[in-house]
Amino acid sequence: MTVDTIELVRFFVAFLFVMALMGGLWLALRKLGLNGHIPVTQISKRRLKIVEVMALDPRRKAIILRRDDKEHLVILGSSGETVVESSFPAKAENPDHHV
């Protein structure tokens, strides 16, 4: 066998090994119910959305949550959460801006 043939066989063996590992991981996740399948109809019916997240410091974050047509500003920290402002009208979504 030439060096090229040995390298080609080595590549295919490594490829099959990686594919087997990926298949085993997929089966394990499927067994645990973590296969990531979310029906499209379920996504369209969601009423709650995170509009924006901003880190205030290493332990706290400010988030804007949208529920229906109202938004809520909440501070999340290690000691709990604080609602800063609630039920203000939601801004129109900008189709060019994605969170």
C-alpha atoms as a PDB file:
ATOM      1  CA  MET A   1       0.000   0.000   0.000  1.00  0.00           C
ATOM      2  CA  THR A   2       1.210   3.451  -0.823  1.00  0.00           C
ATOM      3  CA  VAL A   3       1.260   6.399   1.549  1.00  0.00           C
ATOM      4  CA  ASP A   4      -1.711   7.999  -0.283  1.00  0.00           C
ATOM      5  CA  THR A   5      -3.796   4.834   0.101  1.00  0.00           C
ATOM      6  CA  ILE A   6      -2.983   4.610   3.805  1.00  0.00           C
ATOM      7  CA  GLU A   7      -3.968   8.264   4.312  1.00  0.00           C
ATOM      8  CA  LEU A   8      -7.226   7.710   2.407  1.00  0.00           C
ATOM      9  CA  VAL A   9      -8.130   4.658   4.518  1.00  0.00           C
ATOM     10  CA  ARG A  10      -7.215   6.557   7.684  1.00  0.00           C
ATOM     11  CA  PHE A  11      -9.484   9.456   6.618  1.00  0.00           C
ATOM     12  CA  PHE A  12     -12.481   7.178   6.004  1.00  0.00           C
ATOM     13  CA  VAL A  13     -12.001   5.341   9.300  1.00  0.00           C
ATOM     14  CA  ALA A  14     -11.846   8.655  11.173  1.00  0.00           C
ATOM     15  CA  PHE A  15     -14.900   9.914   9.262  1.00  0.00           C
ATOM     16  CA  LEU A  16     -16.916   6.795  10.136  1.00  0.00           C
ATOM     17  CA  PHE A  17     -15.844   7.087  13.780  1.00  0.00           C
ATOM     18  CA  VAL A  18     -16.997  10.722  13.997  1.00  0.00           C
ATOM     19  CA  MET A  19     -20.294   9.889  12.292  1.00  0.00           C
ATOM     20  CA  ALA A  20     -20.852   7.037  14.766  1.00  0.00           C
ATOM     21  CA  LEU A  21     -20.195   9.414  17.682  1.00  0.00           C
ATOM     22  CA  MET A  22     -22.682  11.923  16.267  1.00  0.00           C
ATOM     23  CA  GLY A  23     -25.280   9.182  15.802  1.00  0.00           C
ATOM     24  CA  GLY A  24     -24.768   7.979  19.363  1.00  0.00           C
ATOM     25  CA  LEU A  25     -25.167  11.504  20.711  1.00  0.00           C
ATOM     26  CA  TRP A  26     -28.344  11.972  18.671  1.00  0.00           C
ATOM     27  CA  LEU A  27     -29.789   8.717  20.035  1.00  0.00           C
ATOM     28  CA  ALA A  28     -28.898   9.697  23.616  1.00  0.00           C
ATOM     29  CA  LEU A  29     -30.513  13.137  23.239  1.00  0.00           C
ATOM     30  CA  ARG A  30     -33.582  11.581  21.629  1.00  0.00           C
ATOM     31  CA  LYS A  31     -33.871   9.107  24.495  1.00  0.00           C
ATOM     32  CA  LEU A  32     -33.777  12.021  26.959  1.00  0.00           C
ATOM     33  CA  GLY A  33     -36.374  13.941  24.958  1.00  0.00           C
ATOM     34  CA  LEU A  34     -33.899  16.676  24.011  1.00  0.00           C
ATOM     35  CA  ASN A  35     -34.007  16.281  20.242  1.00  0.00           C
ATOM     36  CA  GLY A  36     -34.792  19.988  19.745  1.00  0.00           C
ATOM     37  CA  HIS A  37     -37.985  19.473  17.779  1.00  0.00           C
ATOM     38  CA  ILE A  38     -40.374  22.397  18.336  1.00  0.00           C
ATOM     39  CA  PRO A  39     -43.480  22.455  16.161  1.00  0.00           C
ATOM     40  CA  VAL A  40     -43.819  25.605  14.046  1.00  0.00           C
ATOM     41  CA  THR A  41     -47.396  26.191  15.206  1.00  0.00           C
ATOM     42  CA  GLN A  42     -46.198  26.364  18.802  1.00  0.00           C
ATOM     43  CA  ILE A  43     -43.705  29.150  17.997  1.00  0.00           C
ATOM     44  CA  SER A  44     -46.320  31.300  16.286  1.00  0.00           C
ATOM     45  CA  LYS A  45     -48.643  31.067  19.305  1.00  0.00           C
ATOM     46  CA  ARG A  46     -46.089  32.317  21.826  1.00  0.00           C
ATOM     47  CA  ARG A  47     -47.130  35.445  23.685  1.00  0.00           C
ATOM     48  CA  LEU A  48     -43.890  36.089  25.571  1.00  0.00           C
ATOM     49  CA  LYS A  49     -40.709  37.387  23.943  1.00  0.00           C
ATOM     50  CA  ILE A  50     -37.389  38.774  25.171  1.00  0.00           C
ATOM     51  CA  VAL A  51     -36.970  42.026  23.261  1.00  0.00           C
ATOM     52  CA  GLU A  52     -33.595  43.162  24.569  1.00  0.00           C
ATOM     53  CA  VAL A  53     -30.965  42.135  27.133  1.00  0.00           C
ATOM     54  CA  MET A  54     -28.260  44.424  28.499  1.00  0.00           C
ATOM     55  CA  ALA A  55     -25.582  43.470  31.016  1.00  0.00           C
ATOM     56  CA  LEU A  56     -25.384  46.078  33.775  1.00  0.00           C
ATOM     57  CA  ASP A  57     -22.483  44.416  35.571  1.00  0.00           C
ATOM     58  CA  PRO A  58     -21.210  40.825  35.941  1.00  0.00           C
ATOM     59  CA  ARG A  59     -24.129  39.902  38.224  1.00  0.00           C
ATOM     60  CA  ARG A  60     -27.077  41.916  36.902  1.00  0.00           C
ATOM     61  CA  LYS A  61     -28.893  42.214  33.588  1.00  0.00           C
ATOM     62  CA  ALA A  62     -31.668  44.501  32.419  1.00  0.00           C
ATOM     63  CA  ILE A  63     -34.202  42.843  30.131  1.00  0.00           C
ATOM     64  CA  ILE A  64     -37.254  44.042  28.281  1.00  0.00           C
ATOM     65  CA  LEU A  65     -39.982  41.406  28.043  1.00  0.00           C
ATOM     66  CA  ARG A  66     -42.897  41.715  25.638  1.00  0.00           C
ATOM     67  CA  ARG A  67     -46.226  40.073  26.456  1.00  0.00           C
ATOM     68  CA  ASP A  68     -48.935  40.638  23.876  1.00  0.00           C
ATOM     69  CA  ASP A  69     -48.718  44.407  23.201  1.00  0.00           C
ATOM     70  CA  LYS A  70     -47.122  45.433  26.522  1.00  0.00           C
ATOM     71  CA  GLU A  71     -43.467  45.561  27.541  1.00  0.00           C
ATOM     72  CA  HIS A  72     -41.909  45.190  30.992  1.00  0.00           C
ATOM     73  CA  LEU A  73     -38.441  46.305  32.142  1.00  0.00           C
ATOM     74  CA  VAL A  74     -36.946  43.860  34.650  1.00  0.00           C
ATOM     75  CA  ILE A  75     -33.565  43.738  36.403  1.00  0.00           C
ATOM     76  CA  LEU A  76     -32.296  40.183  36.957  1.00  0.00           C
ATOM     77  CA  GLY A  77     -29.616  39.598  39.568  1.00  0.00           C
ATOM     78  CA  SER A  78     -28.196  36.944  41.860  1.00  0.00           C
ATOM     79  CA  SER A  79     -30.505  38.067  44.680  1.00  0.00           C
ATOM     80  CA  GLY A  80     -33.672  37.957  42.563  1.00  0.00           C
ATOM     81  CA  GLU A  81     -35.559  40.074  40.085  1.00  0.00           C
ATOM     82  CA  THR A  82     -36.937  43.613  40.240  1.00  0.00           C
ATOM     83  CA  VAL A  83     -39.665  45.016  38.009  1.00  0.00           C
ATOM     84  CA  VAL A  84     -38.571  48.561  37.176  1.00  0.00           C
ATOM     85  CA  GLU A  85     -41.384  49.489  34.831  1.00  0.00           C
ATOM     86  CA  SER A  86     -44.427  47.498  33.824  1.00  0.00           C
ATOM     87  CA  SER A  87     -47.053  47.534  31.100  1.00  0.00           C
ATOM     88  CA  PHE A  88     -45.672  50.272  28.904  1.00  0.00           C
ATOM     89  CA  PRO A  89     -46.790  50.089  25.251  1.00  0.00           C
ATOM     90  CA  ALA A  90     -44.609  48.023  22.940  1.00  0.00           C
ATOM     91  CA  LYS A  91     -42.666  49.800  20.226  1.00  0.00           C
ATOM     92  CA  ALA A  92     -43.267  48.754  16.636  1.00  0.00           C
ATOM     93  CA  GLU A  93     -40.769  46.078  15.693  1.00  0.00           C
ATOM     94  CA  ASN A  94     -37.996  47.058  13.299  1.00  0.00           C
ATOM     95  CA  PRO A  95     -37.678  44.239  10.728  1.00  0.00           C
ATOM     96  CA  ASP A  96     -33.965  45.035  10.200  1.00  0.00           C
ATOM     97  CA  HIS A  97     -33.100  44.699  13.911  1.00  0.00           C
ATOM     98  CA  HIS A  98     -32.850  41.218  15.452  1.00  0.00           C
ATOM     99  CA  VAL A  99     -31.953  40.401  19.054  1.00  0.00           C
END
